[in-house]
Amino acid sequence: FAVGLIQNKYKPGDKILTLMSSGAESIVACLAAAKTGVVLVAPTSADQISDLLPLVKPRGILVDPTFDGTDVIGLSNKLLPEAALSEGGLPLASLKYPYLRNAIHTGSERVTGFDRYRTILVYGPSPSPLPKVTKALSANLPVIVQVIDG
């Protein structure tokens, strides 16, 4: 996933808003964030998305379709109607959120405007871009920011 983020032009300090349940995908996302310097912003509920998008200005959104028992894909499409018009694999073009370039979901089905998580997984291109990126990382760069109510 780390190499997939780099190939999708993520740089250290870029943020991804994550709405994910605990599981393998969230662990891999955390490890990829640590390796690439991407910051994961993890709200505690899907209700926080509309407030966090303009505040955090994420470059991407990574969602588990079953997160918090909410229709996260439906909610994302409501907030980002451009996603429904976009082809998966191409950057989003949102007038309301111009900084948001990717929408990724962990489900197995195809969802218009979303890339599937497994298509971002890259199993070792040669040569790997990771050594160059990890050299440039600062020890002070956060990996995960947990957003809580209150």
N, C-alpha and C. Protein backbone atom coordinates (compact mmCIF):
# COMPACT_ATOMS: atom_id res chain seq x y z
N PHE A 1 0.83 -1.19 0.00
CA PHE A 1 0.00 0.00 0.00
C PHE A 1 0.87 1.26 0.00
N ALA A 2 2.04 1.19 0.67
CA ALA A 2 2.94 2.35 0.71
C ALA A 2 3.39 2.72 -0.70
N VAL A 3 3.79 1.74 -1.48
CA VAL A 3 4.23 2.01 -2.85
C VAL A 3 3.06 2.53 -3.68
N GLY A 4 1.86 2.00 -3.46
CA GLY A 4 0.67 2.49 -4.17
C GLY A 4 0.39 3.95 -3.85
N LEU A 5 0.60 4.36 -2.59
CA LEU A 5 0.41 5.76 -2.23
C LEU A 5 1.41 6.64 -2.98
N ILE A 6 2.66 6.20 -3.01
CA ILE A 6 3.69 6.97 -3.72
C ILE A 6 3.36 7.07 -5.20
N GLN A 7 2.92 5.95 -5.79
CA GLN A 7 2.57 5.97 -7.21
C GLN A 7 1.36 6.85 -7.49
N ASN A 8 0.52 7.08 -6.47
CA ASN A 8 -0.62 7.99 -6.61
C ASN A 8 -0.25 9.41 -6.17
N LYS A 9 1.05 9.67 -6.08
CA LYS A 9 1.60 11.00 -5.84
C LYS A 9 1.36 11.55 -4.43
N TYR A 10 1.19 10.66 -3.43
CA TYR A 10 1.12 11.11 -2.05
C TYR A 10 2.52 11.43 -1.57
N LYS A 11 2.63 12.48 -0.77
CA LYS A 11 3.92 12.93 -0.25
C LYS A 11 3.84 13.02 1.28
N PRO A 12 5.00 13.02 1.96
CA PRO A 12 4.98 13.17 3.42
C PRO A 12 4.17 14.42 3.83
N GLY A 13 3.30 14.24 4.81
CA GLY A 13 2.46 15.33 5.29
C GLY A 13 1.08 15.36 4.65
N ASP A 14 0.90 14.70 3.49
CA ASP A 14 -0.44 14.61 2.90
C ASP A 14 -1.33 13.84 3.86
N LYS A 15 -2.61 14.18 3.87
CA LYS A 15 -3.54 13.54 4.80
C LYS A 15 -4.56 12.67 4.06
N ILE A 16 -4.93 11.58 4.72
CA ILE A 16 -6.01 10.71 4.24
C ILE A 16 -7.02 10.59 5.37
N LEU A 17 -8.25 10.94 5.09
CA LEU A 17 -9.33 10.78 6.06
C LEU A 17 -9.76 9.32 6.00
N THR A 18 -9.63 8.60 7.11
CA THR A 18 -9.94 7.17 7.12
C THR A 18 -11.17 6.88 7.95
N LEU A 19 -12.08 6.15 7.37
CA LEU A 19 -13.27 5.67 8.07
C LEU A 19 -13.23 4.16 7.96
N MET A 20 -12.50 3.54 8.90
CA MET A 20 -12.26 2.11 8.80
C MET A 20 -12.46 1.42 10.13
N SER A 21 -12.99 0.20 10.05
CA SER A 21 -13.07 -0.67 11.21
C SER A 21 -11.69 -1.27 11.45
N SER A 22 -11.48 -1.79 12.64
CA SER A 22 -10.22 -2.47 12.92
C SER A 22 -10.13 -3.72 12.06
N GLY A 23 -9.01 -3.92 11.45
CA GLY A 23 -8.83 -5.09 10.60
C GLY A 23 -7.53 -4.99 9.83
N ALA A 24 -7.31 -5.96 8.97
CA ALA A 24 -6.06 -6.02 8.21
C ALA A 24 -5.82 -4.77 7.38
N GLU A 25 -6.87 -4.26 6.72
CA GLU A 25 -6.69 -3.08 5.87
C GLU A 25 -6.26 -1.87 6.67
N SER A 26 -6.81 -1.69 7.87
CA SER A 26 -6.42 -0.53 8.68
C SER A 26 -4.99 -0.67 9.19
N ILE A 27 -4.56 -1.89 9.50
CA ILE A 27 -3.18 -2.11 9.94
C ILE A 27 -2.22 -1.82 8.79
N VAL A 28 -2.53 -2.31 7.61
CA VAL A 28 -1.68 -2.06 6.44
C VAL A 28 -1.64 -0.56 6.14
N ALA A 29 -2.78 0.13 6.25
CA ALA A 29 -2.81 1.58 6.01
C ALA A 29 -1.92 2.31 7.02
N CYS A 30 -1.96 1.90 8.28
CA CYS A 30 -1.11 2.52 9.31
C CYS A 30 0.37 2.31 9.01
N LEU A 31 0.72 1.09 8.64
CA LEU A 31 2.12 0.81 8.31
C LEU A 31 2.58 1.59 7.08
N ALA A 32 1.70 1.69 6.08
CA ALA A 32 2.03 2.46 4.88
C ALA A 32 2.19 3.94 5.21
N ALA A 33 1.35 4.46 6.09
CA ALA A 33 1.46 5.86 6.50
C ALA A 33 2.80 6.09 7.21
N ALA A 34 3.17 5.18 8.09
CA ALA A 34 4.45 5.31 8.80
C ALA A 34 5.62 5.27 7.82
N LYS A 35 5.51 4.45 6.81
CA LYS A 35 6.59 4.29 5.84
C LYS A 35 6.70 5.47 4.88
N THR A 36 5.57 6.13 4.57
CA THR A 36 5.57 7.19 3.55
C THR A 36 5.44 8.60 4.12
N GLY A 37 5.11 8.72 5.40
CA GLY A 37 4.92 10.04 5.98
C GLY A 37 3.54 10.61 5.76
N VAL A 38 2.64 9.82 5.20
CA VAL A 38 1.25 10.25 5.03
C VAL A 38 0.57 10.21 6.40
N VAL A 39 -0.28 11.18 6.67
CA VAL A 39 -0.96 11.28 7.96
C VAL A 39 -2.38 10.75 7.81
N LEU A 40 -2.74 9.77 8.62
CA LEU A 40 -4.11 9.25 8.63
C LEU A 40 -4.91 10.02 9.68
N VAL A 41 -6.05 10.53 9.28
CA VAL A 41 -6.95 11.23 10.19
C VAL A 41 -8.16 10.33 10.37
N ALA A 42 -8.36 9.87 11.61
CA ALA A 42 -9.38 8.85 11.87
C ALA A 42 -10.48 9.38 12.78
N PRO A 43 -11.61 9.78 12.21
CA PRO A 43 -12.73 10.19 13.06
C PRO A 43 -13.33 8.98 13.76
N THR A 44 -14.05 9.24 14.83
CA THR A 44 -14.69 8.15 15.55
C THR A 44 -16.06 7.80 15.00
N SER A 45 -16.62 8.69 14.17
CA SER A 45 -17.92 8.37 13.57
C SER A 45 -18.02 9.01 12.18
N ALA A 46 -18.87 8.43 11.36
CA ALA A 46 -19.08 8.94 10.00
C ALA A 46 -19.74 10.31 10.01
N ASP A 47 -20.41 10.66 11.12
CA ASP A 47 -21.07 11.96 11.23
C ASP A 47 -20.08 13.12 11.17
N GLN A 48 -18.82 12.85 11.42
CA GLN A 48 -17.81 13.91 11.46
C GLN A 48 -17.25 14.27 10.08
N ILE A 49 -17.57 13.49 9.05
CA ILE A 49 -16.96 13.70 7.73
C ILE A 49 -17.17 15.10 7.20
N SER A 50 -18.40 15.57 7.19
CA SER A 50 -18.68 16.87 6.58
C SER A 50 -17.95 18.01 7.30
N ASP A 51 -17.76 17.90 8.61
CA ASP A 51 -17.01 18.93 9.34
C ASP A 51 -15.51 18.81 9.11
N LEU A 52 -15.02 17.59 8.98
CA LEU A 52 -13.57 17.38 8.87
C LEU A 52 -13.01 17.67 7.48
N LEU A 53 -13.77 17.43 6.43
CA LEU A 53 -13.22 17.65 5.08
C LEU A 53 -12.63 19.05 4.90
N PRO A 54 -13.37 20.13 5.20
CA PRO A 54 -12.76 21.46 5.01
C PRO A 54 -11.70 21.80 6.05
N LEU A 55 -11.78 21.18 7.22
CA LEU A 55 -10.82 21.47 8.29
C LEU A 55 -9.47 20.77 8.04
N VAL A 56 -9.52 19.49 7.70
CA VAL A 56 -8.33 18.68 7.53
C VAL A 56 -7.72 18.83 6.13
N LYS A 57 -8.56 19.07 5.14
CA LYS A 57 -8.13 19.17 3.73
C LYS A 57 -7.35 17.92 3.30
N PRO A 58 -7.99 16.75 3.42
CA PRO A 58 -7.29 15.52 3.05
C PRO A 58 -7.10 15.41 1.54
N ARG A 59 -6.03 14.75 1.14
CA ARG A 59 -5.78 14.47 -0.27
C ARG A 59 -6.59 13.26 -0.71
N GLY A 60 -6.92 12.41 0.27
CA GLY A 60 -7.69 11.22 -0.04
C GLY A 60 -8.63 10.85 1.09
N ILE A 61 -9.57 9.99 0.75
CA ILE A 61 -10.49 9.44 1.74
C ILE A 61 -10.48 7.93 1.55
N LEU A 62 -10.30 7.20 2.65
CA LEU A 62 -10.22 5.75 2.63
C LEU A 62 -11.34 5.23 3.51
N VAL A 63 -12.30 4.52 2.93
CA VAL A 63 -13.48 4.11 3.67
C VAL A 63 -13.71 2.60 3.63
N ASP A 64 -14.20 2.11 4.75
CA ASP A 64 -14.70 0.75 4.88
C ASP A 64 -16.21 0.89 4.71
N PRO A 65 -16.80 0.27 3.68
CA PRO A 65 -18.23 0.45 3.45
C PRO A 65 -19.11 0.09 4.64
N THR A 66 -18.60 -0.70 5.58
CA THR A 66 -19.40 -1.12 6.73
C THR A 66 -19.03 -0.37 8.01
N PHE A 67 -18.22 0.67 7.92
CA PHE A 67 -17.76 1.41 9.09
C PHE A 67 -18.93 1.96 9.90
N ASP A 68 -18.94 1.70 11.17
CA ASP A 68 -19.88 2.31 12.11
C ASP A 68 -21.34 2.01 11.76
N GLY A 69 -21.59 0.95 10.99
CA GLY A 69 -22.95 0.61 10.61
C GLY A 69 -23.61 1.64 9.70
N THR A 70 -22.81 2.51 9.09
CA THR A 70 -23.31 3.59 8.25
C THR A 70 -23.05 3.27 6.79
N ASP A 71 -23.89 3.75 5.91
CA ASP A 71 -23.65 3.63 4.47
C ASP A 71 -22.62 4.69 4.10
N VAL A 72 -21.35 4.38 4.34
CA VAL A 72 -20.28 5.35 4.14
C VAL A 72 -20.14 5.72 2.66
N ILE A 73 -20.31 4.75 1.77
CA ILE A 73 -20.22 5.05 0.34
C ILE A 73 -21.34 6.02 -0.05
N GLY A 74 -22.56 5.77 0.43
CA GLY A 74 -23.67 6.68 0.14
C GLY A 74 -23.42 8.07 0.70
N LEU A 75 -22.90 8.13 1.92
CA LEU A 75 -22.58 9.41 2.55
C LEU A 75 -21.49 10.14 1.77
N SER A 76 -20.47 9.41 1.36
CA SER A 76 -19.38 10.01 0.59
C SER A 76 -19.89 10.55 -0.74
N ASN A 77 -20.75 9.79 -1.39
CA ASN A 77 -21.32 10.25 -2.67
C ASN A 77 -22.21 11.47 -2.48
N LYS A 78 -22.88 11.56 -1.33
CA LYS A 78 -23.70 12.73 -1.05
C LYS A 78 -22.82 13.97 -0.86
N LEU A 79 -21.71 13.81 -0.14
CA LEU A 79 -20.79 14.92 0.08
C LEU A 79 -19.96 15.24 -1.16
N LEU A 80 -19.68 14.22 -1.96
CA LEU A 80 -18.84 14.37 -3.15
C LEU A 80 -19.60 13.86 -4.37
N PRO A 81 -20.59 14.60 -4.84
CA PRO A 81 -21.35 14.10 -5.98
C PRO A 81 -20.48 13.90 -7.22
N GLU A 82 -19.33 14.57 -7.26
CA GLU A 82 -18.41 14.40 -8.38
C GLU A 82 -17.87 12.97 -8.44
N ALA A 83 -17.79 12.31 -7.29
CA ALA A 83 -17.27 10.94 -7.26
C ALA A 83 -18.11 10.02 -8.12
N ALA A 84 -19.42 10.21 -8.11
CA ALA A 84 -20.31 9.37 -8.90
C ALA A 84 -20.11 9.59 -10.40
N LEU A 85 -19.54 10.73 -10.76
CA LEU A 85 -19.30 11.04 -12.18
C LEU A 85 -17.89 10.70 -12.61
N SER A 86 -17.06 10.33 -11.65
CA SER A 86 -15.64 10.09 -11.90
C SER A 86 -15.37 8.62 -12.20
N GLU A 87 -14.36 8.38 -12.97
CA GLU A 87 -13.90 7.01 -13.21
C GLU A 87 -12.94 6.62 -12.11
N GLY A 88 -13.06 5.42 -11.57
CA GLY A 88 -12.09 4.94 -10.59
C GLY A 88 -10.70 4.95 -11.21
N GLY A 89 -9.70 5.29 -10.41
CA GLY A 89 -8.33 5.35 -10.90
C GLY A 89 -7.93 6.72 -11.39
N LEU A 90 -8.90 7.60 -11.63
CA LEU A 90 -8.59 8.96 -12.05
C LEU A 90 -8.78 9.90 -10.87
N PRO A 91 -7.99 10.97 -10.80
CA PRO A 91 -8.17 11.90 -9.68
C PRO A 91 -9.56 12.53 -9.68
N LEU A 92 -10.09 12.73 -8.48
CA LEU A 92 -11.36 13.44 -8.35
C LEU A 92 -11.16 14.90 -8.74
N ALA A 93 -12.20 15.52 -9.19
CA ALA A 93 -12.18 16.95 -9.50
C ALA A 93 -13.40 17.56 -8.82
N SER A 94 -13.20 18.00 -7.57
CA SER A 94 -14.29 18.55 -6.78
C SER A 94 -14.12 20.06 -6.64
N LEU A 95 -15.18 20.80 -6.96
CA LEU A 95 -15.13 22.24 -6.78
C LEU A 95 -15.17 22.61 -5.29
N LYS A 96 -15.95 21.87 -4.52
CA LYS A 96 -16.09 22.16 -3.09
C LYS A 96 -14.85 21.76 -2.30
N TYR A 97 -14.22 20.65 -2.69
CA TYR A 97 -13.03 20.14 -2.00
C TYR A 97 -11.91 19.92 -3.02
N PRO A 98 -11.30 20.99 -3.53
CA PRO A 98 -10.31 20.86 -4.61
C PRO A 98 -9.05 20.09 -4.21
N TYR A 99 -8.75 19.98 -2.94
CA TYR A 99 -7.58 19.27 -2.44
C TYR A 99 -7.79 17.76 -2.45
N LEU A 100 -9.03 17.30 -2.50
CA LEU A 100 -9.35 15.87 -2.44
C LEU A 100 -9.18 15.25 -3.81
N ARG A 101 -8.26 14.30 -3.94
CA ARG A 101 -7.93 13.72 -5.23
C ARG A 101 -8.31 12.25 -5.38
N ASN A 102 -8.41 11.50 -4.25
CA ASN A 102 -8.70 10.07 -4.34
C ASN A 102 -9.76 9.65 -3.34
N ALA A 103 -10.63 8.76 -3.76
CA ALA A 103 -11.59 8.09 -2.87
C ALA A 103 -11.34 6.60 -3.03
N ILE A 104 -11.06 5.93 -1.92
CA ILE A 104 -10.69 4.51 -1.94
C ILE A 104 -11.62 3.78 -0.97
N HIS A 105 -12.10 2.60 -1.35
CA HIS A 105 -12.91 1.82 -0.41
C HIS A 105 -12.35 0.41 -0.30
N THR A 106 -12.60 -0.21 0.85
CA THR A 106 -12.03 -1.53 1.13
C THR A 106 -12.92 -2.68 0.71
N GLY A 107 -14.09 -2.40 0.18
CA GLY A 107 -15.00 -3.46 -0.25
C GLY A 107 -14.52 -4.15 -1.51
N SER A 108 -15.18 -5.24 -1.86
CA SER A 108 -14.77 -6.01 -3.04
C SER A 108 -15.54 -5.59 -4.29
N GLU A 109 -16.69 -4.94 -4.12
CA GLU A 109 -17.50 -4.55 -5.28
C GLU A 109 -16.96 -3.27 -5.91
N ARG A 110 -17.32 -3.07 -7.17
CA ARG A 110 -16.96 -1.82 -7.85
C ARG A 110 -17.95 -0.74 -7.43
N VAL A 111 -17.42 0.43 -7.10
CA VAL A 111 -18.25 1.58 -6.72
C VAL A 111 -17.79 2.74 -7.60
N THR A 112 -18.70 3.31 -8.36
CA THR A 112 -18.36 4.40 -9.26
C THR A 112 -17.67 5.53 -8.50
N GLY A 113 -16.54 5.98 -9.02
CA GLY A 113 -15.81 7.08 -8.43
C GLY A 113 -14.82 6.68 -7.34
N PHE A 114 -14.85 5.42 -6.93
CA PHE A 114 -13.95 4.95 -5.88
C PHE A 114 -12.97 3.94 -6.46
N ASP A 115 -11.74 4.00 -5.99
CA ASP A 115 -10.77 2.95 -6.27
C ASP A 115 -10.94 1.87 -5.21
N ARG A 116 -10.76 0.63 -5.62
CA ARG A 116 -10.78 -0.44 -4.61
C ARG A 116 -9.41 -0.50 -3.94
N TYR A 117 -9.41 -0.71 -2.65
CA TYR A 117 -8.20 -0.76 -1.84
C TYR A 117 -7.17 -1.70 -2.47
N ARG A 118 -7.64 -2.83 -2.91
CA ARG A 118 -6.69 -3.82 -3.44
C ARG A 118 -6.03 -3.37 -4.74
N THR A 119 -6.60 -2.40 -5.45
CA THR A 119 -5.92 -1.90 -6.65
C THR A 119 -4.79 -0.94 -6.30
N ILE A 120 -4.80 -0.41 -5.08
CA ILE A 120 -3.73 0.47 -4.64
C ILE A 120 -2.57 -0.34 -4.08
N LEU A 121 -2.85 -1.58 -3.68
CA LEU A 121 -1.77 -2.44 -3.19
C LEU A 121 -0.82 -2.74 -4.34
N VAL A 122 0.44 -2.53 -4.12
CA VAL A 122 1.45 -2.79 -5.14
C VAL A 122 2.46 -3.74 -4.51
N TYR A 123 2.75 -4.81 -5.20
CA TYR A 123 3.58 -5.86 -4.62
C TYR A 123 5.02 -5.80 -5.08
N GLY A 124 5.64 -4.65 -4.97
CA GLY A 124 7.07 -4.57 -5.17
C GLY A 124 7.55 -4.25 -6.57
N PRO A 125 7.35 -3.00 -7.01
CA PRO A 125 7.96 -2.63 -8.29
C PRO A 125 9.47 -2.58 -8.12
N SER A 126 10.14 -2.65 -9.19
CA SER A 126 11.59 -2.61 -9.13
C SER A 126 12.08 -1.41 -9.91
N PRO A 127 12.87 -0.53 -9.38
CA PRO A 127 13.27 -0.47 -7.96
C PRO A 127 12.20 0.21 -7.12
N SER A 128 12.18 -0.10 -5.85
CA SER A 128 11.18 0.47 -4.94
C SER A 128 11.47 1.94 -4.66
N PRO A 129 10.45 2.80 -4.69
CA PRO A 129 10.67 4.21 -4.36
C PRO A 129 10.73 4.47 -2.86
N LEU A 130 10.47 3.45 -2.02
CA LEU A 130 10.39 3.67 -0.58
C LEU A 130 11.68 4.17 0.07
N PRO A 131 12.86 3.65 -0.26
CA PRO A 131 14.06 4.14 0.43
C PRO A 131 14.27 5.65 0.29
N LYS A 132 13.99 6.19 -0.88
CA LYS A 132 14.16 7.63 -1.09
C LYS A 132 13.15 8.42 -0.23
N VAL A 133 11.92 7.94 -0.14
CA VAL A 133 10.90 8.63 0.63
C VAL A 133 11.20 8.55 2.13
N THR A 134 11.54 7.38 2.62
CA THR A 134 11.77 7.22 4.06
C THR A 134 12.98 8.02 4.52
N LYS A 135 13.97 8.24 3.68
CA LYS A 135 15.12 9.08 4.04
C LYS A 135 14.69 10.50 4.35
N ALA A 136 13.67 10.97 3.64
CA ALA A 136 13.24 12.37 3.77
C ALA A 136 12.26 12.61 4.91
N LEU A 137 11.85 11.57 5.62
CA LEU A 137 10.84 11.73 6.68
C LEU A 137 11.42 12.35 7.93
N SER A 138 10.61 13.14 8.60
CA SER A 138 10.97 13.76 9.87
C SER A 138 10.41 12.91 11.00
N ALA A 139 11.15 12.81 12.08
CA ALA A 139 10.68 12.04 13.25
C ALA A 139 9.49 12.73 13.90
N ASN A 140 9.26 14.00 13.61
CA ASN A 140 8.16 14.76 14.22
C ASN A 140 6.87 14.68 13.44
N LEU A 141 6.85 13.99 12.31
CA LEU A 141 5.66 13.91 11.48
C LEU A 141 4.68 12.91 12.09
N PRO A 142 3.43 13.34 12.37
CA PRO A 142 2.46 12.38 12.94
C PRO A 142 2.05 11.34 11.91
N VAL A 143 1.65 10.18 12.39
CA VAL A 143 1.17 9.12 11.51
C VAL A 143 -0.35 9.03 11.56
N ILE A 144 -0.90 9.05 12.76
CA ILE A 144 -2.35 8.93 12.91
C ILE A 144 -2.84 10.04 13.85
N VAL A 145 -3.89 10.69 13.44
CA VAL A 145 -4.55 11.69 14.28
C VAL A 145 -5.96 11.17 14.54
N GLN A 146 -6.26 10.85 15.79
CA GLN A 146 -7.58 10.36 16.16
C GLN A 146 -8.46 11.56 16.49
N VAL A 147 -9.60 11.68 15.84
CA VAL A 147 -10.52 12.78 16.08
C VAL A 147 -11.66 12.27 16.95
N ILE A 148 -11.86 12.92 18.08
CA ILE A 148 -12.93 12.52 18.99
C ILE A 148 -13.88 13.68 19.22
N ASP A 149 -15.10 13.37 19.62
CA ASP A 149 -16.08 14.42 19.93
C ASP A 149 -15.69 15.10 21.23
N GLY A 150 -16.06 16.37 21.36
CA GLY A 150 -15.85 17.06 22.63
C GLY A 150 -14.76 17.98 22.53
